[in-house]
Amino acid sequence: MAVELFSTSEHKCVVFPDLVRGDDGVQANQFLVVHGSHSALIDPGGALLYTPLNLAVSRYVQTRDLTYILASHQDPDIIGSVDRWLMYSDCTIVCSKLWGRFIPHSVPHYQKGAGGDRYLLVPDEGMEIPMGSSHIRALPAHFLHSVGNLSFWDPVSRILFSGDVGSSMVSAGTPYLPYEDFASMVGRMEGFHRRYMAGNRVCRLWAGMVRKLKPAMIVPQHGLPMRGAAIGDFLSWLEQLECGIDLLGPVNYRVA
């Protein structure tokens, strides 16, 4: 089921939250931003999602006309289906410059039209991705949890597509609705963030950057979106979070 997070005559932000079924994989959200004749599909997922996502997206834009695939990082649940999007659309793949040599490993060597000219590689400081009269901003989110991680900021809707940052573990069938009470969700994200985020310093850097944006909504790749008071409470929690290498001790490297 498609959920429209923002909609005007010229600009739409759509999420597809329920395409991963049963035990097929980790729940993941895929996002589509359409601005006029330009479109960007964010974190389209792996091969198991290509067909259902293609059908869902076709309500808004035909596959062949897709402008961009935006990849927050290199994981299979993010960009594992890259070969099919390259084959069946004329899109450009946008990813960190660190993954420009790795993502093509998912593309068969004999596939035509999948060379370097199909990639837009983002420098560490981020960049603007043109969308006609608007743009999407690729923002640095390095080490959260990937060394070349990106978040994507849509200035029209003021939605931050945050990738794994802010992800919550929810059960199948949970209605896809924004929450404003962060305390009710922290138990669904704490374990994931402590293990998958690299360390507190990068959490603080990212949270400080996001505060300046004043987003209307933060929308992660897993779980539910947050808005209102939940955004400030989440950023304050993230700034104080001990995670990743902060939690390592000698016991983690003990020889059995």
Foldseek 3Di string as FASTA:
>chain_A
DKDWPDDDPFKTKIKDFAQQDDVNDAGWIWIWIGGHQAIEIFQQFAPSRVVVVQVVCVVPPHLQSYAEYEFQDQDRGRCNHVQVSQQRYLYAYEFAPVCLVPNCVSHDPPDPRPDPVSYDHAYQQWDWADNDVFTKTWHHLAPLPHNGGTWIAGLVQLEIAGEAQPAFGDDPPDDADADADQVVTCVRCQVVSQERRAFLVSLLVVLVVSVVSQGQWYHYGHDYIYGDNNSVVSSVCSNPDGHHPSPDDPVVVDDD
